[in-house]
Amino acid sequence: IRARELGVPVKTIHNASIMNAIGAT
């Protein structure tokens, strides 16, 4: 949010997290 307020373009590159890797159980 702060970056966008300053006019900085933002690109997000996702990855695995415990929120989906918990499926290993």
PDBML (XML) file of the C-alpha atoms, coordinates in Angstrom:
<?xml version="1.0" encoding="UTF-8" ?>
<PDBx:datablock datablockName="MODEL"
   xmlns:PDBx="http://pdbml.pdb.org/schema/pdbx-v50.xsd"
   xmlns:xsi="http://www.w3.org/2001/XMLSchema-instance"
   xsi:schemaLocation="http://pdbml.pdb.org/schema/pdbx-v50.xsd pdbx-v50.xsd">
   <PDBx:atom_siteCategory>
      <PDBx:atom_site id="1">
         <PDBx:B_iso_or_equiv>0.00</PDBx:B_iso_or_equiv>
         <PDBx:Cartn_x>0.000</PDBx:Cartn_x>
         <PDBx:Cartn_y>0.000</PDBx:Cartn_y>
         <PDBx:Cartn_z>0.000</PDBx:Cartn_z>
         <PDBx:auth_asym_id>A</PDBx:auth_asym_id>
         <PDBx:auth_atom_id>CA</PDBx:auth_atom_id>
         <PDBx:auth_comp_id>ILE</PDBx:auth_comp_id>
         <PDBx:auth_seq_id>1</PDBx:auth_seq_id>
         <PDBx:group_PDB>ATOM</PDBx:group_PDB>
         <PDBx:label_alt_id xsi:nil="true" />
         <PDBx:label_asym_id>A</PDBx:label_asym_id>
         <PDBx:label_atom_id>CA</PDBx:label_atom_id>
         <PDBx:label_comp_id>ILE</PDBx:label_comp_id>
         <PDBx:label_entity_id>1</PDBx:label_entity_id>
         <PDBx:label_seq_id>1</PDBx:label_seq_id>
         <PDBx:occupancy>1.00</PDBx:occupancy>
         <PDBx:pdbx_PDB_model_num>1</PDBx:pdbx_PDB_model_num>
         <PDBx:type_symbol>C</PDBx:type_symbol>
      </PDBx:atom_site>
      <PDBx:atom_site id="2">
         <PDBx:B_iso_or_equiv>0.00</PDBx:B_iso_or_equiv>
         <PDBx:Cartn_x>2.816</PDBx:Cartn_x>
         <PDBx:Cartn_y>2.396</PDBx:Cartn_y>
         <PDBx:Cartn_z>0.900</PDBx:Cartn_z>
         <PDBx:auth_asym_id>A</PDBx:auth_asym_id>
         <PDBx:auth_atom_id>CA</PDBx:auth_atom_id>
         <PDBx:auth_comp_id>ARG</PDBx:auth_comp_id>
         <PDBx:auth_seq_id>2</PDBx:auth_seq_id>
         <PDBx:group_PDB>ATOM</PDBx:group_PDB>
         <PDBx:label_alt_id xsi:nil="true" />
         <PDBx:label_asym_id>A</PDBx:label_asym_id>
         <PDBx:label_atom_id>CA</PDBx:label_atom_id>
         <PDBx:label_comp_id>ARG</PDBx:label_comp_id>
         <PDBx:label_entity_id>1</PDBx:label_entity_id>
         <PDBx:label_seq_id>2</PDBx:label_seq_id>
         <PDBx:occupancy>1.00</PDBx:occupancy>
         <PDBx:pdbx_PDB_model_num>1</PDBx:pdbx_PDB_model_num>
         <PDBx:type_symbol>C</PDBx:type_symbol>
      </PDBx:atom_site>
      <PDBx:atom_site id="3">
         <PDBx:B_iso_or_equiv>0.00</PDBx:B_iso_or_equiv>
         <PDBx:Cartn_x>4.571</PDBx:Cartn_x>
         <PDBx:Cartn_y>1.672</PDBx:Cartn_y>
         <PDBx:Cartn_z>-2.413</PDBx:Cartn_z>
         <PDBx:auth_asym_id>A</PDBx:auth_asym_id>
         <PDBx:auth_atom_id>CA</PDBx:auth_atom_id>
         <PDBx:auth_comp_id>ALA</PDBx:auth_comp_id>
         <PDBx:auth_seq_id>3</PDBx:auth_seq_id>
         <PDBx:group_PDB>ATOM</PDBx:group_PDB>
         <PDBx:label_alt_id xsi:nil="true" />
         <PDBx:label_asym_id>A</PDBx:label_asym_id>
         <PDBx:label_atom_id>CA</PDBx:label_atom_id>
         <PDBx:label_comp_id>ALA</PDBx:label_comp_id>
         <PDBx:label_entity_id>1</PDBx:label_entity_id>
         <PDBx:label_seq_id>3</PDBx:label_seq_id>
         <PDBx:occupancy>1.00</PDBx:occupancy>
         <PDBx:pdbx_PDB_model_num>1</PDBx:pdbx_PDB_model_num>
         <PDBx:type_symbol>C</PDBx:type_symbol>
      </PDBx:atom_site>
      <PDBx:atom_site id="4">
         <PDBx:B_iso_or_equiv>0.00</PDBx:B_iso_or_equiv>
         <PDBx:Cartn_x>1.444</PDBx:Cartn_x>
         <PDBx:Cartn_y>2.433</PDBx:Cartn_y>
         <PDBx:Cartn_z>-4.399</PDBx:Cartn_z>
         <PDBx:auth_asym_id>A</PDBx:auth_asym_id>
         <PDBx:auth_atom_id>CA</PDBx:auth_atom_id>
         <PDBx:auth_comp_id>ARG</PDBx:auth_comp_id>
         <PDBx:auth_seq_id>4</PDBx:auth_seq_id>
         <PDBx:group_PDB>ATOM</PDBx:group_PDB>
         <PDBx:label_alt_id xsi:nil="true" />
         <PDBx:label_asym_id>A</PDBx:label_asym_id>
         <PDBx:label_atom_id>CA</PDBx:label_atom_id>
         <PDBx:label_comp_id>ARG</PDBx:label_comp_id>
         <PDBx:label_entity_id>1</PDBx:label_entity_id>
         <PDBx:label_seq_id>4</PDBx:label_seq_id>
         <PDBx:occupancy>1.00</PDBx:occupancy>
         <PDBx:pdbx_PDB_model_num>1</PDBx:pdbx_PDB_model_num>
         <PDBx:type_symbol>C</PDBx:type_symbol>
      </PDBx:atom_site>
      <PDBx:atom_site id="5">
         <PDBx:B_iso_or_equiv>0.00</PDBx:B_iso_or_equiv>
         <PDBx:Cartn_x>0.948</PDBx:Cartn_x>
         <PDBx:Cartn_y>5.675</PDBx:Cartn_y>
         <PDBx:Cartn_z>-2.471</PDBx:Cartn_z>
         <PDBx:auth_asym_id>A</PDBx:auth_asym_id>
         <PDBx:auth_atom_id>CA</PDBx:auth_atom_id>
         <PDBx:auth_comp_id>GLU</PDBx:auth_comp_id>
         <PDBx:auth_seq_id>5</PDBx:auth_seq_id>
         <PDBx:group_PDB>ATOM</PDBx:group_PDB>
         <PDBx:label_alt_id xsi:nil="true" />
         <PDBx:label_asym_id>A</PDBx:label_asym_id>
         <PDBx:label_atom_id>CA</PDBx:label_atom_id>
         <PDBx:label_comp_id>GLU</PDBx:label_comp_id>
         <PDBx:label_entity_id>1</PDBx:label_entity_id>
         <PDBx:label_seq_id>5</PDBx:label_seq_id>
         <PDBx:occupancy>1.00</PDBx:occupancy>
         <PDBx:pdbx_PDB_model_num>1</PDBx:pdbx_PDB_model_num>
         <PDBx:type_symbol>C</PDBx:type_symbol>
      </PDBx:atom_site>
      <PDBx:atom_site id="6">
         <PDBx:B_iso_or_equiv>0.00</PDBx:B_iso_or_equiv>
         <PDBx:Cartn_x>4.440</PDBx:Cartn_x>
         <PDBx:Cartn_y>6.686</PDBx:Cartn_y>
         <PDBx:Cartn_z>-3.579</PDBx:Cartn_z>
         <PDBx:auth_asym_id>A</PDBx:auth_asym_id>
         <PDBx:auth_atom_id>CA</PDBx:auth_atom_id>
         <PDBx:auth_comp_id>LEU</PDBx:auth_comp_id>
         <PDBx:auth_seq_id>6</PDBx:auth_seq_id>
         <PDBx:group_PDB>ATOM</PDBx:group_PDB>
         <PDBx:label_alt_id xsi:nil="true" />
         <PDBx:label_asym_id>A</PDBx:label_asym_id>
         <PDBx:label_atom_id>CA</PDBx:label_atom_id>
         <PDBx:label_comp_id>LEU</PDBx:label_comp_id>
         <PDBx:label_entity_id>1</PDBx:label_entity_id>
         <PDBx:label_seq_id>6</PDBx:label_seq_id>
         <PDBx:occupancy>1.00</PDBx:occupancy>
         <PDBx:pdbx_PDB_model_num>1</PDBx:pdbx_PDB_model_num>
         <PDBx:type_symbol>C</PDBx:type_symbol>
      </PDBx:atom_site>
      <PDBx:atom_site id="7">
         <PDBx:B_iso_or_equiv>0.00</PDBx:B_iso_or_equiv>
         <PDBx:Cartn_x>3.714</PDBx:Cartn_x>
         <PDBx:Cartn_y>5.788</PDBx:Cartn_y>
         <PDBx:Cartn_z>-7.189</PDBx:Cartn_z>
         <PDBx:auth_asym_id>A</PDBx:auth_asym_id>
         <PDBx:auth_atom_id>CA</PDBx:auth_atom_id>
         <PDBx:auth_comp_id>GLY</PDBx:auth_comp_id>
         <PDBx:auth_seq_id>7</PDBx:auth_seq_id>
         <PDBx:group_PDB>ATOM</PDBx:group_PDB>
         <PDBx:label_alt_id xsi:nil="true" />
         <PDBx:label_asym_id>A</PDBx:label_asym_id>
         <PDBx:label_atom_id>CA</PDBx:label_atom_id>
         <PDBx:label_comp_id>GLY</PDBx:label_comp_id>
         <PDBx:label_entity_id>1</PDBx:label_entity_id>
         <PDBx:label_seq_id>7</PDBx:label_seq_id>
         <PDBx:occupancy>1.00</PDBx:occupancy>
         <PDBx:pdbx_PDB_model_num>1</PDBx:pdbx_PDB_model_num>
         <PDBx:type_symbol>C</PDBx:type_symbol>
      </PDBx:atom_site>
      <PDBx:atom_site id="8">
         <PDBx:B_iso_or_equiv>0.00</PDBx:B_iso_or_equiv>
         <PDBx:Cartn_x>5.981</PDBx:Cartn_x>
         <PDBx:Cartn_y>2.728</PDBx:Cartn_y>
         <PDBx:Cartn_z>-7.150</PDBx:Cartn_z>
         <PDBx:auth_asym_id>A</PDBx:auth_asym_id>
         <PDBx:auth_atom_id>CA</PDBx:auth_atom_id>
         <PDBx:auth_comp_id>VAL</PDBx:auth_comp_id>
         <PDBx:auth_seq_id>8</PDBx:auth_seq_id>
         <PDBx:group_PDB>ATOM</PDBx:group_PDB>
         <PDBx:label_alt_id xsi:nil="true" />
         <PDBx:label_asym_id>A</PDBx:label_asym_id>
         <PDBx:label_atom_id>CA</PDBx:label_atom_id>
         <PDBx:label_comp_id>VAL</PDBx:label_comp_id>
         <PDBx:label_entity_id>1</PDBx:label_entity_id>
         <PDBx:label_seq_id>8</PDBx:label_seq_id>
         <PDBx:occupancy>1.00</PDBx:occupancy>
         <PDBx:pdbx_PDB_model_num>1</PDBx:pdbx_PDB_model_num>
         <PDBx:type_symbol>C</PDBx:type_symbol>
      </PDBx:atom_site>
      <PDBx:atom_site id="9">
         <PDBx:B_iso_or_equiv>0.00</PDBx:B_iso_or_equiv>
         <PDBx:Cartn_x>4.771</PDBx:Cartn_x>
         <PDBx:Cartn_y>-0.130</PDBx:Cartn_y>
         <PDBx:Cartn_z>-9.375</PDBx:Cartn_z>
         <PDBx:auth_asym_id>A</PDBx:auth_asym_id>
         <PDBx:auth_atom_id>CA</PDBx:auth_atom_id>
         <PDBx:auth_comp_id>PRO</PDBx:auth_comp_id>
         <PDBx:auth_seq_id>9</PDBx:auth_seq_id>
         <PDBx:group_PDB>ATOM</PDBx:group_PDB>
         <PDBx:label_alt_id xsi:nil="true" />
         <PDBx:label_asym_id>A</PDBx:label_asym_id>
         <PDBx:label_atom_id>CA</PDBx:label_atom_id>
         <PDBx:label_comp_id>PRO</PDBx:label_comp_id>
         <PDBx:label_entity_id>1</PDBx:label_entity_id>
         <PDBx:label_seq_id>9</PDBx:label_seq_id>
         <PDBx:occupancy>1.00</PDBx:occupancy>
         <PDBx:pdbx_PDB_model_num>1</PDBx:pdbx_PDB_model_num>
         <PDBx:type_symbol>C</PDBx:type_symbol>
      </PDBx:atom_site>
      <PDBx:atom_site id="10">
         <PDBx:B_iso_or_equiv>0.00</PDBx:B_iso_or_equiv>
         <PDBx:Cartn_x>4.480</PDBx:Cartn_x>
         <PDBx:Cartn_y>-3.443</PDBx:Cartn_y>
         <PDBx:Cartn_z>-7.547</PDBx:Cartn_z>
         <PDBx:auth_asym_id>A</PDBx:auth_asym_id>
         <PDBx:auth_atom_id>CA</PDBx:auth_atom_id>
         <PDBx:auth_comp_id>VAL</PDBx:auth_comp_id>
         <PDBx:auth_seq_id>10</PDBx:auth_seq_id>
         <PDBx:group_PDB>ATOM</PDBx:group_PDB>
         <PDBx:label_alt_id xsi:nil="true" />
         <PDBx:label_asym_id>A</PDBx:label_asym_id>
         <PDBx:label_atom_id>CA</PDBx:label_atom_id>
         <PDBx:label_comp_id>VAL</PDBx:label_comp_id>
         <PDBx:label_entity_id>1</PDBx:label_entity_id>
         <PDBx:label_seq_id>10</PDBx:label_seq_id>
         <PDBx:occupancy>1.00</PDBx:occupancy>
         <PDBx:pdbx_PDB_model_num>1</PDBx:pdbx_PDB_model_num>
         <PDBx:type_symbol>C</PDBx:type_symbol>
      </PDBx:atom_site>
      <PDBx:atom_site id="11">
         <PDBx:B_iso_or_equiv>0.00</PDBx:B_iso_or_equiv>
         <PDBx:Cartn_x>4.675</PDBx:Cartn_x>
         <PDBx:Cartn_y>-6.997</PDBx:Cartn_y>
         <PDBx:Cartn_z>-8.822</PDBx:Cartn_z>
         <PDBx:auth_asym_id>A</PDBx:auth_asym_id>
         <PDBx:auth_atom_id>CA</PDBx:auth_atom_id>
         <PDBx:auth_comp_id>LYS</PDBx:auth_comp_id>
         <PDBx:auth_seq_id>11</PDBx:auth_seq_id>
         <PDBx:group_PDB>ATOM</PDBx:group_PDB>
         <PDBx:label_alt_id xsi:nil="true" />
         <PDBx:label_asym_id>A</PDBx:label_asym_id>
         <PDBx:label_atom_id>CA</PDBx:label_atom_id>
         <PDBx:label_comp_id>LYS</PDBx:label_comp_id>
         <PDBx:label_entity_id>1</PDBx:label_entity_id>
         <PDBx:label_seq_id>11</PDBx:label_seq_id>
         <PDBx:occupancy>1.00</PDBx:occupancy>
         <PDBx:pdbx_PDB_model_num>1</PDBx:pdbx_PDB_model_num>
         <PDBx:type_symbol>C</PDBx:type_symbol>
      </PDBx:atom_site>
      <PDBx:atom_site id="12">
         <PDBx:B_iso_or_equiv>0.00</PDBx:B_iso_or_equiv>
         <PDBx:Cartn_x>3.971</PDBx:Cartn_x>
         <PDBx:Cartn_y>-9.969</PDBx:Cartn_y>
         <PDBx:Cartn_z>-6.551</PDBx:Cartn_z>
         <PDBx:auth_asym_id>A</PDBx:auth_asym_id>
         <PDBx:auth_atom_id>CA</PDBx:auth_atom_id>
         <PDBx:auth_comp_id>THR</PDBx:auth_comp_id>
         <PDBx:auth_seq_id>12</PDBx:auth_seq_id>
         <PDBx:group_PDB>ATOM</PDBx:group_PDB>
         <PDBx:label_alt_id xsi:nil="true" />
         <PDBx:label_asym_id>A</PDBx:label_asym_id>
         <PDBx:label_atom_id>CA</PDBx:label_atom_id>
         <PDBx:label_comp_id>THR</PDBx:label_comp_id>
         <PDBx:label_entity_id>1</PDBx:label_entity_id>
         <PDBx:label_seq_id>12</PDBx:label_seq_id>
         <PDBx:occupancy>1.00</PDBx:occupancy>
         <PDBx:pdbx_PDB_model_num>1</PDBx:pdbx_PDB_model_num>
         <PDBx:type_symbol>C</PDBx:type_symbol>
      </PDBx:atom_site>
      <PDBx:atom_site id="13">
         <PDBx:B_iso_or_equiv>0.00</PDBx:B_iso_or_equiv>
         <PDBx:Cartn_x>5.521</PDBx:Cartn_x>
         <PDBx:Cartn_y>-13.374</PDBx:Cartn_y>
         <PDBx:Cartn_z>-7.221</PDBx:Cartn_z>
         <PDBx:auth_asym_id>A</PDBx:auth_asym_id>
         <PDBx:auth_atom_id>CA</PDBx:auth_atom_id>
         <PDBx:auth_comp_id>ILE</PDBx:auth_comp_id>
         <PDBx:auth_seq_id>13</PDBx:auth_seq_id>
         <PDBx:group_PDB>ATOM</PDBx:group_PDB>
         <PDBx:label_alt_id xsi:nil="true" />
         <PDBx:label_asym_id>A</PDBx:label_asym_id>
         <PDBx:label_atom_id>CA</PDBx:label_atom_id>
         <PDBx:label_comp_id>ILE</PDBx:label_comp_id>
         <PDBx:label_entity_id>1</PDBx:label_entity_id>
         <PDBx:label_seq_id>13</PDBx:label_seq_id>
         <PDBx:occupancy>1.00</PDBx:occupancy>
         <PDBx:pdbx_PDB_model_num>1</PDBx:pdbx_PDB_model_num>
         <PDBx:type_symbol>C</PDBx:type_symbol>
      </PDBx:atom_site>
      <PDBx:atom_site id="14">
         <PDBx:B_iso_or_equiv>0.00</PDBx:B_iso_or_equiv>
         <PDBx:Cartn_x>3.815</PDBx:Cartn_x>
         <PDBx:Cartn_y>-16.092</PDBx:Cartn_y>
         <PDBx:Cartn_z>-5.178</PDBx:Cartn_z>
         <PDBx:auth_asym_id>A</PDBx:auth_asym_id>
         <PDBx:auth_atom_id>CA</PDBx:auth_atom_id>
         <PDBx:auth_comp_id>HIS</PDBx:auth_comp_id>
         <PDBx:auth_seq_id>14</PDBx:auth_seq_id>
         <PDBx:group_PDB>ATOM</PDBx:group_PDB>
         <PDBx:label_alt_id xsi:nil="true" />
         <PDBx:label_asym_id>A</PDBx:label_asym_id>
         <PDBx:label_atom_id>CA</PDBx:label_atom_id>
         <PDBx:label_comp_id>HIS</PDBx:label_comp_id>
         <PDBx:label_entity_id>1</PDBx:label_entity_id>
         <PDBx:label_seq_id>14</PDBx:label_seq_id>
         <PDBx:occupancy>1.00</PDBx:occupancy>
         <PDBx:pdbx_PDB_model_num>1</PDBx:pdbx_PDB_model_num>
         <PDBx:type_symbol>C</PDBx:type_symbol>
      </PDBx:atom_site>
      <PDBx:atom_site id="15">
         <PDBx:B_iso_or_equiv>0.00</PDBx:B_iso_or_equiv>
         <PDBx:Cartn_x>5.141</PDBx:Cartn_x>
         <PDBx:Cartn_y>-19.316</PDBx:Cartn_y>
         <PDBx:Cartn_z>-3.705</PDBx:Cartn_z>
         <PDBx:auth_asym_id>A</PDBx:auth_asym_id>
         <PDBx:auth_atom_id>CA</PDBx:auth_atom_id>
         <PDBx:auth_comp_id>ASN</PDBx:auth_comp_id>
         <PDBx:auth_seq_id>15</PDBx:auth_seq_id>
         <PDBx:group_PDB>ATOM</PDBx:group_PDB>
         <PDBx:label_alt_id xsi:nil="true" />
         <PDBx:label_asym_id>A</PDBx:label_asym_id>
         <PDBx:label_atom_id>CA</PDBx:label_atom_id>
         <PDBx:label_comp_id>ASN</PDBx:label_comp_id>
         <PDBx:label_entity_id>1</PDBx:label_entity_id>
         <PDBx:label_seq_id>15</PDBx:label_seq_id>
         <PDBx:occupancy>1.00</PDBx:occupancy>
         <PDBx:pdbx_PDB_model_num>1</PDBx:pdbx_PDB_model_num>
         <PDBx:type_symbol>C</PDBx:type_symbol>
      </PDBx:atom_site>
      <PDBx:atom_site id="16">
         <PDBx:B_iso_or_equiv>0.00</PDBx:B_iso_or_equiv>
         <PDBx:Cartn_x>4.171</PDBx:Cartn_x>
         <PDBx:Cartn_y>-22.171</PDBx:Cartn_y>
         <PDBx:Cartn_z>-1.403</PDBx:Cartn_z>
         <PDBx:auth_asym_id>A</PDBx:auth_asym_id>
         <PDBx:auth_atom_id>CA</PDBx:auth_atom_id>
         <PDBx:auth_comp_id>ALA</PDBx:auth_comp_id>
         <PDBx:auth_seq_id>16</PDBx:auth_seq_id>
         <PDBx:group_PDB>ATOM</PDBx:group_PDB>
         <PDBx:label_alt_id xsi:nil="true" />
         <PDBx:label_asym_id>A</PDBx:label_asym_id>
         <PDBx:label_atom_id>CA</PDBx:label_atom_id>
         <PDBx:label_comp_id>ALA</PDBx:label_comp_id>
         <PDBx:label_entity_id>1</PDBx:label_entity_id>
         <PDBx:label_seq_id>16</PDBx:label_seq_id>
         <PDBx:occupancy>1.00</PDBx:occupancy>
         <PDBx:pdbx_PDB_model_num>1</PDBx:pdbx_PDB_model_num>
         <PDBx:type_symbol>C</PDBx:type_symbol>
      </PDBx:atom_site>
      <PDBx:atom_site id="17">
         <PDBx:B_iso_or_equiv>0.00</PDBx:B_iso_or_equiv>
         <PDBx:Cartn_x>3.388</PDBx:Cartn_x>
         <PDBx:Cartn_y>-21.421</PDBx:Cartn_y>
         <PDBx:Cartn_z>2.235</PDBx:Cartn_z>
         <PDBx:auth_asym_id>A</PDBx:auth_asym_id>
         <PDBx:auth_atom_id>CA</PDBx:auth_atom_id>
         <PDBx:auth_comp_id>SER</PDBx:auth_comp_id>
         <PDBx:auth_seq_id>17</PDBx:auth_seq_id>
         <PDBx:group_PDB>ATOM</PDBx:group_PDB>
         <PDBx:label_alt_id xsi:nil="true" />
         <PDBx:label_asym_id>A</PDBx:label_asym_id>
         <PDBx:label_atom_id>CA</PDBx:label_atom_id>
         <PDBx:label_comp_id>SER</PDBx:label_comp_id>
         <PDBx:label_entity_id>1</PDBx:label_entity_id>
         <PDBx:label_seq_id>17</PDBx:label_seq_id>
         <PDBx:occupancy>1.00</PDBx:occupancy>
         <PDBx:pdbx_PDB_model_num>1</PDBx:pdbx_PDB_model_num>
         <PDBx:type_symbol>C</PDBx:type_symbol>
      </PDBx:atom_site>
      <PDBx:atom_site id="18">
         <PDBx:B_iso_or_equiv>0.00</PDBx:B_iso_or_equiv>
         <PDBx:Cartn_x>2.359</PDBx:Cartn_x>
         <PDBx:Cartn_y>-23.459</PDBx:Cartn_y>
         <PDBx:Cartn_z>5.244</PDBx:Cartn_z>
         <PDBx:auth_asym_id>A</PDBx:auth_asym_id>
         <PDBx:auth_atom_id>CA</PDBx:auth_atom_id>
         <PDBx:auth_comp_id>ILE</PDBx:auth_comp_id>
         <PDBx:auth_seq_id>18</PDBx:auth_seq_id>
         <PDBx:group_PDB>ATOM</PDBx:group_PDB>
         <PDBx:label_alt_id xsi:nil="true" />
         <PDBx:label_asym_id>A</PDBx:label_asym_id>
         <PDBx:label_atom_id>CA</PDBx:label_atom_id>
         <PDBx:label_comp_id>ILE</PDBx:label_comp_id>
         <PDBx:label_entity_id>1</PDBx:label_entity_id>
         <PDBx:label_seq_id>18</PDBx:label_seq_id>
         <PDBx:occupancy>1.00</PDBx:occupancy>
         <PDBx:pdbx_PDB_model_num>1</PDBx:pdbx_PDB_model_num>
         <PDBx:type_symbol>C</PDBx:type_symbol>
      </PDBx:atom_site>
      <PDBx:atom_site id="19">
         <PDBx:B_iso_or_equiv>0.00</PDBx:B_iso_or_equiv>
         <PDBx:Cartn_x>-1.227</PDBx:Cartn_x>
         <PDBx:Cartn_y>-22.453</PDBx:Cartn_y>
         <PDBx:Cartn_z>4.437</PDBx:Cartn_z>
         <PDBx:auth_asym_id>A</PDBx:auth_asym_id>
         <PDBx:auth_atom_id>CA</PDBx:auth_atom_id>
         <PDBx:auth_comp_id>MET</PDBx:auth_comp_id>
         <PDBx:auth_seq_id>19</PDBx:auth_seq_id>
         <PDBx:group_PDB>ATOM</PDBx:group_PDB>
         <PDBx:label_alt_id xsi:nil="true" />
         <PDBx:label_asym_id>A</PDBx:label_asym_id>
         <PDBx:label_atom_id>CA</PDBx:label_atom_id>
         <PDBx:label_comp_id>MET</PDBx:label_comp_id>
         <PDBx:label_entity_id>1</PDBx:label_entity_id>
         <PDBx:label_seq_id>19</PDBx:label_seq_id>
         <PDBx:occupancy>1.00</PDBx:occupancy>
         <PDBx:pdbx_PDB_model_num>1</PDBx:pdbx_PDB_model_num>
         <PDBx:type_symbol>C</PDBx:type_symbol>
      </PDBx:atom_site>
      <PDBx:atom_site id="20">
         <PDBx:B_iso_or_equiv>0.00</PDBx:B_iso_or_equiv>
         <PDBx:Cartn_x>-1.267</PDBx:Cartn_x>
         <PDBx:Cartn_y>-24.801</PDBx:Cartn_y>
         <PDBx:Cartn_z>1.448</PDBx:Cartn_z>
         <PDBx:auth_asym_id>A</PDBx:auth_asym_id>
         <PDBx:auth_atom_id>CA</PDBx:auth_atom_id>
         <PDBx:auth_comp_id>ASN</PDBx:auth_comp_id>
         <PDBx:auth_seq_id>20</PDBx:auth_seq_id>
         <PDBx:group_PDB>ATOM</PDBx:group_PDB>
         <PDBx:label_alt_id xsi:nil="true" />
         <PDBx:label_asym_id>A</PDBx:label_asym_id>
         <PDBx:label_atom_id>CA</PDBx:label_atom_id>
         <PDBx:label_comp_id>ASN</PDBx:label_comp_id>
         <PDBx:label_entity_id>1</PDBx:label_entity_id>
         <PDBx:label_seq_id>20</PDBx:label_seq_id>
         <PDBx:occupancy>1.00</PDBx:occupancy>
         <PDBx:pdbx_PDB_model_num>1</PDBx:pdbx_PDB_model_num>
         <PDBx:type_symbol>C</PDBx:type_symbol>
      </PDBx:atom_site>
      <PDBx:atom_site id="21">
         <PDBx:B_iso_or_equiv>0.00</PDBx:B_iso_or_equiv>
         <PDBx:Cartn_x>1.666</PDBx:Cartn_x>
         <PDBx:Cartn_y>-27.112</PDBx:Cartn_y>
         <PDBx:Cartn_z>2.216</PDBx:Cartn_z>
         <PDBx:auth_asym_id>A</PDBx:auth_asym_id>
         <PDBx:auth_atom_id>CA</PDBx:auth_atom_id>
         <PDBx:auth_comp_id>ALA</PDBx:auth_comp_id>
         <PDBx:auth_seq_id>21</PDBx:auth_seq_id>
         <PDBx:group_PDB>ATOM</PDBx:group_PDB>
         <PDBx:label_alt_id xsi:nil="true" />
         <PDBx:label_asym_id>A</PDBx:label_asym_id>
         <PDBx:label_atom_id>CA</PDBx:label_atom_id>
         <PDBx:label_comp_id>ALA</PDBx:label_comp_id>
         <PDBx:label_entity_id>1</PDBx:label_entity_id>
         <PDBx:label_seq_id>21</PDBx:label_seq_id>
         <PDBx:occupancy>1.00</PDBx:occupancy>
         <PDBx:pdbx_PDB_model_num>1</PDBx:pdbx_PDB_model_num>
         <PDBx:type_symbol>C</PDBx:type_symbol>
      </PDBx:atom_site>
      <PDBx:atom_site id="22">
         <PDBx:B_iso_or_equiv>0.00</PDBx:B_iso_or_equiv>
         <PDBx:Cartn_x>-0.180</PDBx:Cartn_x>
         <PDBx:Cartn_y>-28.317</PDBx:Cartn_y>
         <PDBx:Cartn_z>5.317</PDBx:Cartn_z>
         <PDBx:auth_asym_id>A</PDBx:auth_asym_id>
         <PDBx:auth_atom_id>CA</PDBx:auth_atom_id>
         <PDBx:auth_comp_id>ILE</PDBx:auth_comp_id>
         <PDBx:auth_seq_id>22</PDBx:auth_seq_id>
         <PDBx:group_PDB>ATOM</PDBx:group_PDB>
         <PDBx:label_alt_id xsi:nil="true" />
         <PDBx:label_asym_id>A</PDBx:label_asym_id>
         <PDBx:label_atom_id>CA</PDBx:label_atom_id>
         <PDBx:label_comp_id>ILE</PDBx:label_comp_id>
         <PDBx:label_entity_id>1</PDBx:label_entity_id>
         <PDBx:label_seq_id>22</PDBx:label_seq_id>
         <PDBx:occupancy>1.00</PDBx:occupancy>
         <PDBx:pdbx_PDB_model_num>1</PDBx:pdbx_PDB_model_num>
         <PDBx:type_symbol>C</PDBx:type_symbol>
      </PDBx:atom_site>
      <PDBx:atom_site id="23">
         <PDBx:B_iso_or_equiv>0.00</PDBx:B_iso_or_equiv>
         <PDBx:Cartn_x>-1.947</PDBx:Cartn_x>
         <PDBx:Cartn_y>-30.581</PDBx:Cartn_y>
         <PDBx:Cartn_z>2.834</PDBx:Cartn_z>
         <PDBx:auth_asym_id>A</PDBx:auth_asym_id>
         <PDBx:auth_atom_id>CA</PDBx:auth_atom_id>
         <PDBx:auth_comp_id>GLY</PDBx:auth_comp_id>
         <PDBx:auth_seq_id>23</PDBx:auth_seq_id>
         <PDBx:group_PDB>ATOM</PDBx:group_PDB>
         <PDBx:label_alt_id xsi:nil="true" />
         <PDBx:label_asym_id>A</PDBx:label_asym_id>
         <PDBx:label_atom_id>CA</PDBx:label_atom_id>
         <PDBx:label_comp_id>GLY</PDBx:label_comp_id>
         <PDBx:label_entity_id>1</PDBx:label_entity_id>
         <PDBx:label_seq_id>23</PDBx:label_seq_id>
         <PDBx:occupancy>1.00</PDBx:occupancy>
         <PDBx:pdbx_PDB_model_num>1</PDBx:pdbx_PDB_model_num>
         <PDBx:type_symbol>C</PDBx:type_symbol>
      </PDBx:atom_site>
      <PDBx:atom_site id="24">
         <PDBx:B_iso_or_equiv>0.00</PDBx:B_iso_or_equiv>
         <PDBx:Cartn_x>1.117</PDBx:Cartn_x>
         <PDBx:Cartn_y>-32.825</PDBx:Cartn_y>
         <PDBx:Cartn_z>3.276</PDBx:Cartn_z>
         <PDBx:auth_asym_id>A</PDBx:auth_asym_id>
         <PDBx:auth_atom_id>CA</PDBx:auth_atom_id>
         <PDBx:auth_comp_id>ALA</PDBx:auth_comp_id>
         <PDBx:auth_seq_id>24</PDBx:auth_seq_id>
         <PDBx:group_PDB>ATOM</PDBx:group_PDB>
         <PDBx:label_alt_id xsi:nil="true" />
         <PDBx:label_asym_id>A</PDBx:label_asym_id>
         <PDBx:label_atom_id>CA</PDBx:label_atom_id>
         <PDBx:label_comp_id>ALA</PDBx:label_comp_id>
         <PDBx:label_entity_id>1</PDBx:label_entity_id>
         <PDBx:label_seq_id>24</PDBx:label_seq_id>
         <PDBx:occupancy>1.00</PDBx:occupancy>
         <PDBx:pdbx_PDB_model_num>1</PDBx:pdbx_PDB_model_num>
         <PDBx:type_symbol>C</PDBx:type_symbol>
      </PDBx:atom_site>
      <PDBx:atom_site id="25">
         <PDBx:B_iso_or_equiv>0.00</PDBx:B_iso_or_equiv>
         <PDBx:Cartn_x>-0.647</PDBx:Cartn_x>
         <PDBx:Cartn_y>-34.112</PDBx:Cartn_y>
         <PDBx:Cartn_z>6.401</PDBx:Cartn_z>
         <PDBx:auth_asym_id>A</PDBx:auth_asym_id>
         <PDBx:auth_atom_id>CA</PDBx:auth_atom_id>
         <PDBx:auth_comp_id>THR</PDBx:auth_comp_id>
         <PDBx:auth_seq_id>25</PDBx:auth_seq_id>
         <PDBx:group_PDB>ATOM</PDBx:group_PDB>
         <PDBx:label_alt_id xsi:nil="true" />
         <PDBx:label_asym_id>A</PDBx:label_asym_id>
         <PDBx:label_atom_id>CA</PDBx:label_atom_id>
         <PDBx:label_comp_id>THR</PDBx:label_comp_id>
         <PDBx:label_entity_id>1</PDBx:label_entity_id>
         <PDBx:label_seq_id>25</PDBx:label_seq_id>
         <PDBx:occupancy>1.00</PDBx:occupancy>
         <PDBx:pdbx_PDB_model_num>1</PDBx:pdbx_PDB_model_num>
         <PDBx:type_symbol>C</PDBx:type_symbol>
      </PDBx:atom_site>
   </PDBx:atom_siteCategory>
</PDBx:datablock>
